[in-house]
């Protein structure tokens, strides 16, 4: 999932331990640990968050949602990841080539810049699953997209193509093909900036992260409660079978 920093840039890939573009509690835990380590590593100045070629991330592993024995490790790992993203002190650049679904989309709201291929798509089907948004996006999405568009995106479950995501501000830079090279170039450019000045400016722009962490805990509590609802579990099992 993570590589050795290159020119002070650490690339992190959203993928499961089995190489699929789906995250289970082990993948969440590894990504959280990588971010926590990168926050304390002076050799890392910028993180580049990317997915697999042709598919950024298809979200969480639904098999863990319907197995109550896995809920506690899942909730713990997800909380660690979202808090690590919300409090990360260095720039994060997202690089999207393909589909970004569920958590594969919500993590992008924590990126300072998002570079995406024009053919990429963005979707957050939480409500359709009987769940609620995560990663403090109940705060971040209205701030970035505006309330009405955030409501449409999350509650209507509408899919955004690259053009729409760019127009709304979820994507900062749009490319006709894989944006990997452009994202790396931007990350290296940021890594050459004066470290303290960059960190302080970013902190001023983002503001207090305590509210985000409080909202993450609230969302996770509601998410966990939804996973204990029999109607939601039946719906998730049906969706999981259809996706298999």
C-alpha atoms as a PDB file:
ATOM      1  CA  UNK A   1       0.000   0.000   0.000  1.00  0.00           C
ATOM      2  CA  UNK A   2       2.868   2.422   0.635  1.00  0.00           C
ATOM      3  CA  UNK A   3       6.198   3.087  -1.006  1.00  0.00           C
ATOM      4  CA  UNK A   4       9.514   4.585   0.062  1.00  0.00           C
ATOM      5  CA  UNK A   5       9.306   8.394  -0.246  1.00  0.00           C
ATOM      6  CA  UNK A   6      10.617   9.725  -3.534  1.00  0.00           C
ATOM      7  CA  UNK A   7      11.858  13.314  -3.461  1.00  0.00           C
ATOM      8  CA  UNK A   8       9.964  13.769  -0.185  1.00  0.00           C
ATOM      9  CA  UNK A   9       6.699  12.469  -1.699  1.00  0.00           C
ATOM     10  CA  UNK A  10       5.053   9.326  -0.306  1.00  0.00           C
ATOM     11  CA  UNK A  11       2.671   7.474  -2.587  1.00  0.00           C
ATOM     12  CA  UNK A  12      -0.136   5.545  -0.867  1.00  0.00           C
ATOM     13  CA  UNK A  13      -2.398   3.220  -2.839  1.00  0.00           C
ATOM     14  CA  UNK A  14      -5.997   2.461  -1.836  1.00  0.00           C
ATOM     15  CA  UNK A  15      -6.317  -1.286  -2.274  1.00  0.00           C
ATOM     16  CA  UNK A  16      -7.103  -4.349  -0.230  1.00  0.00           C
ATOM     17  CA  UNK A  17      -4.422  -6.748   0.947  1.00  0.00           C
ATOM     18  CA  UNK A  18      -5.664  -9.084  -1.803  1.00  0.00           C
ATOM     19  CA  UNK A  19      -4.973  -6.473  -4.472  1.00  0.00           C
ATOM     20  CA  UNK A  20      -8.635  -5.617  -5.104  1.00  0.00           C
ATOM     21  CA  UNK A  21      -9.856  -1.987  -5.150  1.00  0.00           C
ATOM     22  CA  UNK A  22     -12.003  -2.755  -2.086  1.00  0.00           C
ATOM     23  CA  UNK A  23     -11.020  -1.894   1.491  1.00  0.00           C
ATOM     24  CA  UNK A  24     -11.477  -4.146   4.517  1.00  0.00           C
ATOM     25  CA  UNK A  25     -10.413  -3.433   8.100  1.00  0.00           C
ATOM     26  CA  UNK A  26      -6.847  -4.565   7.371  1.00  0.00           C
ATOM     27  CA  UNK A  27      -6.527  -2.110   4.486  1.00  0.00           C
ATOM     28  CA  UNK A  28      -7.977   0.712   6.586  1.00  0.00           C
ATOM     29  CA  UNK A  29      -5.539  -0.109   9.384  1.00  0.00           C
ATOM     30  CA  UNK A  30      -2.523  -0.195   7.082  1.00  0.00           C
ATOM     31  CA  UNK A  31      -3.440   3.104   5.474  1.00  0.00           C
ATOM     32  CA  UNK A  32      -4.035   4.751   8.863  1.00  0.00           C
ATOM     33  CA  UNK A  33      -0.671   3.492  10.141  1.00  0.00           C
ATOM     34  CA  UNK A  34       1.071   4.760   6.998  1.00  0.00           C
ATOM     35  CA  UNK A  35      -0.444   8.208   7.427  1.00  0.00           C
ATOM     36  CA  UNK A  36       0.414   8.327  11.120  1.00  0.00           C
ATOM     37  CA  UNK A  37       4.010   7.365  10.346  1.00  0.00           C
ATOM     38  CA  UNK A  38       4.212   9.882   7.499  1.00  0.00           C
ATOM     39  CA  UNK A  39       2.972  12.658   9.790  1.00  0.00           C
ATOM     40  CA  UNK A  40       6.022  12.119  12.028  1.00  0.00           C
ATOM     41  CA  UNK A  41       8.548  11.482   9.252  1.00  0.00           C
ATOM     42  CA  UNK A  42      10.501  14.609   8.266  1.00  0.00           C
ATOM     43  CA  UNK A  43      11.477  12.931   5.006  1.00  0.00           C
ATOM     44  CA  UNK A  44       7.807  12.939   3.942  1.00  0.00           C
ATOM     45  CA  UNK A  45       6.552  16.376   2.960  1.00  0.00           C
ATOM     46  CA  UNK A  46       3.629  15.459   0.686  1.00  0.00           C
ATOM     47  CA  UNK A  47       1.391  12.387   0.365  1.00  0.00           C
ATOM     48  CA  UNK A  48       0.017  11.262  -2.990  1.00  0.00           C
ATOM     49  CA  UNK A  49      -3.145   9.203  -2.560  1.00  0.00           C
ATOM     50  CA  UNK A  50      -3.938   7.043  -5.575  1.00  0.00           C
ATOM     51  CA  UNK A  51      -5.795   3.919  -6.598  1.00  0.00           C
ATOM     52  CA  UNK A  52      -5.214   1.039  -8.927  1.00  0.00           C
ATOM     53  CA  UNK A  53      -4.861   1.729 -12.634  1.00  0.00           C
ATOM     54  CA  UNK A  54      -8.297   2.234 -14.161  1.00  0.00           C
ATOM     55  CA  UNK A  55     -10.131   2.073 -10.823  1.00  0.00           C
ATOM     56  CA  UNK A  56      -9.472   4.384  -7.901  1.00  0.00           C
ATOM     57  CA  UNK A  57     -11.450   2.545  -5.180  1.00  0.00           C
ATOM     58  CA  UNK A  58     -14.826   0.799  -5.053  1.00  0.00           C
ATOM     59  CA  UNK A  59     -15.356   1.414  -1.345  1.00  0.00           C
ATOM     60  CA  UNK A  60     -15.574  -0.830   1.692  1.00  0.00           C
ATOM     61  CA  UNK A  61     -15.864  -4.597   1.824  1.00  0.00           C
ATOM     62  CA  UNK A  62     -19.601  -5.285   2.209  1.00  0.00           C
ATOM     63  CA  UNK A  63     -18.910  -8.744   3.627  1.00  0.00           C
ATOM     64  CA  UNK A  64     -17.597  -7.037   6.773  1.00  0.00           C
ATOM     65  CA  UNK A  65     -20.712  -4.873   6.999  1.00  0.00           C
ATOM     66  CA  UNK A  66     -22.974  -7.925   7.287  1.00  0.00           C
ATOM     67  CA  UNK A  67     -20.748  -9.871   9.712  1.00  0.00           C
ATOM     68  CA  UNK A  68     -21.245  -8.494  13.223  1.00  0.00           C
ATOM     69  CA  UNK A  69     -18.136 -10.332  14.434  1.00  0.00           C
ATOM     70  CA  UNK A  70     -16.094  -7.967  12.254  1.00  0.00           C
ATOM     71  CA  UNK A  71     -17.825  -4.747  13.231  1.00  0.00           C
ATOM     72  CA  UNK A  72     -15.558  -3.753  16.113  1.00  0.00           C
ATOM     73  CA  UNK A  73     -12.237  -4.146  14.228  1.00  0.00           C
ATOM     74  CA  UNK A  74     -13.831  -2.452  11.221  1.00  0.00           C
ATOM     75  CA  UNK A  75     -15.114   0.510  13.249  1.00  0.00           C
ATOM     76  CA  UNK A  76     -11.770   0.894  15.023  1.00  0.00           C
ATOM     77  CA  UNK A  77      -9.738   0.843  11.805  1.00  0.00           C
ATOM     78  CA  UNK A  78     -12.102   3.191   9.965  1.00  0.00           C
ATOM     79  CA  UNK A  79     -12.065   5.677  12.839  1.00  0.00           C
ATOM     80  CA  UNK A  80      -8.257   5.628  12.916  1.00  0.00           C
ATOM     81  CA  UNK A  81      -8.082   6.272   9.172  1.00  0.00           C
ATOM     82  CA  UNK A  82     -10.563   9.124   9.108  1.00  0.00           C
ATOM     83  CA  UNK A  83      -8.969  10.823  12.108  1.00  0.00           C
ATOM     84  CA  UNK A  84      -5.535  10.432  10.511  1.00  0.00           C
ATOM     85  CA  UNK A  85      -6.828  12.100   7.349  1.00  0.00           C
ATOM     86  CA  UNK A  86      -8.603  14.906   9.204  1.00  0.00           C
ATOM     87  CA  UNK A  87      -5.554  15.781  11.314  1.00  0.00           C
ATOM     88  CA  UNK A  88      -2.804  15.078   8.778  1.00  0.00           C
ATOM     89  CA  UNK A  89      -0.414  18.067   8.931  1.00  0.00           C
ATOM     90  CA  UNK A  90       1.001  17.874   5.402  1.00  0.00           C
ATOM     91  CA  UNK A  91      -0.456  18.311   1.909  1.00  0.00           C
ATOM     92  CA  UNK A  92      -2.372  15.390   0.391  1.00  0.00           C
ATOM     93  CA  UNK A  93      -2.916  15.129  -3.352  1.00  0.00           C
ATOM     94  CA  UNK A  94      -5.506  12.714  -4.721  1.00  0.00           C
ATOM     95  CA  UNK A  95      -4.912  11.053  -8.077  1.00  0.00           C
ATOM     96  CA  UNK A  96      -8.064   9.435  -9.527  1.00  0.00           C
ATOM     97  CA  UNK A  97      -8.142   7.230 -12.604  1.00  0.00           C
ATOM     98  CA  UNK A  98     -11.491   5.451 -12.834  1.00  0.00           C
ATOM     99  CA  UNK A  99     -14.317   4.854 -10.360  1.00  0.00           C
ATOM    100  CA  UNK A 100     -14.304   6.393  -6.875  1.00  0.00           C
ATOM    101  CA  UNK A 101     -17.158   4.890  -4.850  1.00  0.00           C
ATOM    102  CA  UNK A 102     -18.150   5.224  -1.183  1.00  0.00           C
ATOM    103  CA  UNK A 103     -15.106   5.654   1.007  1.00  0.00           C
ATOM    104  CA  UNK A 104     -13.106   5.742  -2.214  1.00  0.00           C
ATOM    105  CA  UNK A 105     -14.817   9.059  -2.834  1.00  0.00           C
ATOM    106  CA  UNK A 106     -15.145  10.491   0.678  1.00  0.00           C
ATOM    107  CA  UNK A 107     -11.386  10.315   1.331  1.00  0.00           C
ATOM    108  CA  UNK A 108     -10.969  12.788  -1.527  1.00  0.00           C
ATOM    109  CA  UNK A 109     -12.633  15.508   0.531  1.00  0.00           C
ATOM    110  CA  UNK A 110      -9.520  15.483   2.733  1.00  0.00           C
ATOM    111  CA  UNK A 111      -7.184  16.057  -0.211  1.00  0.00           C
ATOM    112  CA  UNK A 112      -5.837  19.539  -0.858  1.00  0.00           C
ATOM    113  CA  UNK A 113      -5.848  18.918  -4.617  1.00  0.00           C
ATOM    114  CA  UNK A 114      -7.547  16.153  -6.606  1.00  0.00           C
ATOM    115  CA  UNK A 115      -6.221  15.297 -10.070  1.00  0.00           C
ATOM    116  CA  UNK A 116      -8.603  13.099 -12.069  1.00  0.00           C
ATOM    117  CA  UNK A 117      -8.936  11.505 -15.474  1.00  0.00           C
ATOM    118  CA  UNK A 118     -11.910  12.830 -17.418  1.00  0.00           C
ATOM    119  CA  UNK A 119     -13.496   9.354 -17.595  1.00  0.00           C
ATOM    120  CA  UNK A 120     -13.463   8.958 -13.791  1.00  0.00           C
ATOM    121  CA  UNK A 121     -16.742   8.693 -11.881  1.00  0.00           C
ATOM    122  CA  UNK A 122     -17.698   9.596  -8.323  1.00  0.00           C
ATOM    123  CA  UNK A 123     -20.538   8.093  -6.285  1.00  0.00           C
ATOM    124  CA  UNK A 124     -21.516   7.799  -2.600  1.00  0.00           C
ATOM    125  CA  UNK A 125     -24.387   5.257  -2.286  1.00  0.00           C
ATOM    126  CA  UNK A 126     -24.590   5.337   1.513  1.00  0.00           C
ATOM    127  CA  UNK A 127     -28.279   6.245   1.742  1.00  0.00           C
ATOM    128  CA  UNK A 128     -29.187   3.564  -0.818  1.00  0.00           C
ATOM    129  CA  UNK A 129     -27.401   1.059   1.432  1.00  0.00           C
ATOM    130  CA  UNK A 130     -29.272   2.298   4.522  1.00  0.00           C
ATOM    131  CA  UNK A 131     -26.133   3.975   5.874  1.00  0.00           C
ATOM    132  CA  UNK A 132     -24.837   7.504   6.500  1.00  0.00           C
ATOM    133  CA  UNK A 133     -21.849   9.414   5.096  1.00  0.00           C
ATOM    134  CA  UNK A 134     -18.413   9.004   6.635  1.00  0.00           C
ATOM    135  CA  UNK A 135     -15.044  10.776   6.947  1.00  0.00           C
ATOM    136  CA  UNK A 136     -16.692  14.020   8.180  1.00  0.00           C
ATOM    137  CA  UNK A 137     -18.177  14.557   4.728  1.00  0.00           C
ATOM    138  CA  UNK A 138     -21.435  15.651   6.350  1.00  0.00           C
ATOM    139  CA  UNK A 139     -19.413  18.823   7.064  1.00  0.00           C
ATOM    140  CA  UNK A 140     -16.914  18.848   4.212  1.00  0.00           C
ATOM    141  CA  UNK A 141     -19.301  18.129   1.331  1.00  0.00           C
ATOM    142  CA  UNK A 142     -21.670  21.087   1.944  1.00  0.00           C
ATOM    143  CA  UNK A 143     -18.631  23.332   2.411  1.00  0.00           C
ATOM    144  CA  UNK A 144     -17.057  22.239  -0.871  1.00  0.00           C
ATOM    145  CA  UNK A 145     -20.083  21.550  -3.069  1.00  0.00           C
ATOM    146  CA  UNK A 146     -22.742  23.765  -1.502  1.00  0.00           C
ATOM    147  CA  UNK A 147     -25.691  22.356   0.441  1.00  0.00           C
ATOM    148  CA  UNK A 148     -28.012  21.569  -2.458  1.00  0.00           C
ATOM    149  CA  UNK A 149     -25.361  19.773  -4.505  1.00  0.00           C
ATOM    150  CA  UNK A 150     -24.112  17.886  -1.432  1.00  0.00           C
ATOM    151  CA  UNK A 151     -27.702  16.827  -0.703  1.00  0.00           C
ATOM    152  CA  UNK A 152     -28.171  15.691  -4.295  1.00  0.00           C
ATOM    153  CA  UNK A 153     -24.851  13.813  -4.280  1.00  0.00           C
ATOM    154  CA  UNK A 154     -25.414  11.969  -0.997  1.00  0.00           C
ATOM    155  CA  UNK A 155     -29.199  11.682  -0.685  1.00  0.00           C
ATOM    156  CA  UNK A 156     -30.127  11.182  -4.341  1.00  0.00           C
ATOM    157  CA  UNK A 157     -27.038   9.026  -4.803  1.00  0.00           C
ATOM    158  CA  UNK A 158     -26.351  10.547  -8.203  1.00  0.00           C
ATOM    159  CA  UNK A 159     -23.099   9.671  -9.946  1.00  0.00           C
ATOM    160  CA  UNK A 160     -20.812  12.492 -11.005  1.00  0.00           C
ATOM    161  CA  UNK A 161     -18.640  12.203 -14.076  1.00  0.00           C
ATOM    162  CA  UNK A 162     -15.275  13.916 -14.239  1.00  0.00           C
ATOM    163  CA  UNK A 163     -16.666  17.097 -15.797  1.00  0.00           C
ATOM    164  CA  UNK A 164     -19.370  17.478 -13.151  1.00  0.00           C
ATOM    165  CA  UNK A 165     -16.971  16.739 -10.285  1.00  0.00           C
ATOM    166  CA  UNK A 166     -14.590  19.347 -11.664  1.00  0.00           C
ATOM    167  CA  UNK A 167     -17.344  21.933 -12.081  1.00  0.00           C
ATOM    168  CA  UNK A 168     -18.464  21.419  -8.467  1.00  0.00           C
ATOM    169  CA  UNK A 169     -14.933  21.631  -7.056  1.00  0.00           C
ATOM    170  CA  UNK A 170     -14.528  18.037  -5.889  1.00  0.00           C
ATOM    171  CA  UNK A 171     -11.858  17.656  -8.576  1.00  0.00           C
ATOM    172  CA  UNK A 172      -9.334  20.476  -8.892  1.00  0.00           C
ATOM    173  CA  UNK A 173      -7.624  19.396 -12.138  1.00  0.00           C
ATOM    174  CA  UNK A 174      -9.060  17.286 -14.962  1.00  0.00           C
ATOM    175  CA  UNK A 175      -7.062  15.336 -17.575  1.00  0.00           C
ATOM    176  CA  UNK A 176      -7.910  13.470 -20.758  1.00  0.00           C
ATOM    177  CA  UNK A 177      -5.863  10.471 -19.640  1.00  0.00           C
ATOM    178  CA  UNK A 178      -4.191   9.112 -16.494  1.00  0.00           C
ATOM    179  CA  UNK A 179      -3.230  12.106 -14.287  1.00  0.00           C
ATOM    180  CA  UNK A 180      -0.477  10.208 -12.462  1.00  0.00           C
ATOM    181  CA  UNK A 181       2.449  12.145 -13.962  1.00  0.00           C
ATOM    182  CA  UNK A 182       0.814  15.528 -13.378  1.00  0.00           C
ATOM    183  CA  UNK A 183      -0.045  14.588  -9.791  1.00  0.00           C
ATOM    184  CA  UNK A 184       3.508  13.485  -9.056  1.00  0.00           C
ATOM    185  CA  UNK A 185       4.866  16.713 -10.582  1.00  0.00           C
ATOM    186  CA  UNK A 186       2.556  18.826  -8.412  1.00  0.00           C
ATOM    187  CA  UNK A 187       3.497  16.821  -5.321  1.00  0.00           C
ATOM    188  CA  UNK A 188       7.208  17.279  -5.997  1.00  0.00           C
ATOM    189  CA  UNK A 189       6.661  20.990  -6.558  1.00  0.00           C
ATOM    190  CA  UNK A 190       4.956  21.284  -3.169  1.00  0.00           C
ATOM    191  CA  UNK A 191       7.716  19.220  -1.541  1.00  0.00           C
ATOM    192  CA  UNK A 192      10.264  21.852  -2.621  1.00  0.00           C
ATOM    193  CA  UNK A 193       8.405  24.653  -0.825  1.00  0.00           C
ATOM    194  CA  UNK A 194       9.623  25.944   2.573  1.00  0.00           C
ATOM    195  CA  UNK A 195       8.303  23.284   4.940  1.00  0.00           C
ATOM    196  CA  UNK A 196       7.125  25.433   7.842  1.00  0.00           C
ATOM    197  CA  UNK A 197       5.569  28.135   5.685  1.00  0.00           C
ATOM    198  CA  UNK A 198       3.656  25.515   3.691  1.00  0.00           C
ATOM    199  CA  UNK A 199       2.477  23.700   6.820  1.00  0.00           C
ATOM    200  CA  UNK A 200       1.329  26.879   8.567  1.00  0.00           C
ATOM    201  CA  UNK A 201      -0.450  28.198   5.464  1.00  0.00           C
ATOM    202  CA  UNK A 202      -2.263  24.897   4.983  1.00  0.00           C
ATOM    203  CA  UNK A 203      -3.260  24.847   8.651  1.00  0.00           C
ATOM    204  CA  UNK A 204      -4.681  28.371   8.394  1.00  0.00           C
ATOM    205  CA  UNK A 205      -6.645  27.476   5.283  1.00  0.00           C
ATOM    206  CA  UNK A 206      -8.106  24.273   6.767  1.00  0.00           C
ATOM    207  CA  UNK A 207      -8.932  25.735  10.198  1.00  0.00           C
ATOM    208  CA  UNK A 208      -9.637  23.798  13.391  1.00  0.00           C
ATOM    209  CA  UNK A 209      -9.832  20.043  12.819  1.00  0.00           C
ATOM    210  CA  UNK A 210     -11.428  19.277  16.206  1.00  0.00           C
ATOM    211  CA  UNK A 211     -14.930  19.725  14.757  1.00  0.00           C
ATOM    212  CA  UNK A 212     -14.092  17.246  11.986  1.00  0.00           C
ATOM    213  CA  UNK A 213     -12.956  14.634  14.499  1.00  0.00           C
ATOM    214  CA  UNK A 214     -16.114  15.108  16.546  1.00  0.00           C
ATOM    215  CA  UNK A 215     -18.227  14.679  13.407  1.00  0.00           C
ATOM    216  CA  UNK A 216     -16.255  11.572  12.409  1.00  0.00           C
ATOM    217  CA  UNK A 217     -17.095   9.996  15.773  1.00  0.00           C
ATOM    218  CA  UNK A 218     -20.780  10.935  15.364  1.00  0.00           C
ATOM    219  CA  UNK A 219     -20.957   9.536  11.825  1.00  0.00           C
ATOM    220  CA  UNK A 220     -19.220   6.314  12.858  1.00  0.00           C
ATOM    221  CA  UNK A 221     -21.649   5.878  15.768  1.00  0.00           C
ATOM    222  CA  UNK A 222     -24.629   6.252  13.406  1.00  0.00           C
ATOM    223  CA  UNK A 223     -22.970   3.994  10.839  1.00  0.00           C
ATOM    224  CA  UNK A 224     -22.429   1.285  13.454  1.00  0.00           C
ATOM    225  CA  UNK A 225     -26.022   1.626  14.652  1.00  0.00           C
ATOM    226  CA  UNK A 226     -27.262   1.196  11.064  1.00  0.00           C
ATOM    227  CA  UNK A 227     -25.241  -2.009  10.755  1.00  0.00           C
ATOM    228  CA  UNK A 228     -27.263  -3.426  13.645  1.00  0.00           C
ATOM    229  CA  UNK A 229     -30.566  -2.837  11.850  1.00  0.00           C
ATOM    230  CA  UNK A 230     -32.016  -6.014  10.332  1.00  0.00           C
ATOM    231  CA  UNK A 231     -33.566  -4.219   7.358  1.00  0.00           C
ATOM    232  CA  UNK A 232     -30.231  -2.623   6.518  1.00  0.00           C
ATOM    233  CA  UNK A 233     -28.402  -5.934   6.886  1.00  0.00           C
ATOM    234  CA  UNK A 234     -30.834  -7.664   4.524  1.00  0.00           C
ATOM    235  CA  UNK A 235     -30.370  -4.869   2.006  1.00  0.00           C
ATOM    236  CA  UNK A 236     -26.578  -5.075   2.266  1.00  0.00           C
ATOM    237  CA  UNK A 237     -26.628  -8.860   1.862  1.00  0.00           C
ATOM    238  CA  UNK A 238     -28.731  -8.519  -1.262  1.00  0.00           C
ATOM    239  CA  UNK A 239     -26.400  -5.862  -2.706  1.00  0.00           C
ATOM    240  CA  UNK A 240     -23.358  -7.961  -1.778  1.00  0.00           C
ATOM    241  CA  UNK A 241     -24.764 -10.984  -3.617  1.00  0.00           C
ATOM    242  CA  UNK A 242     -25.536  -8.880  -6.685  1.00  0.00           C
ATOM    243  CA  UNK A 243     -21.992  -7.490  -6.673  1.00  0.00           C
ATOM    244  CA  UNK A 244     -20.357 -10.935  -6.331  1.00  0.00           C
END
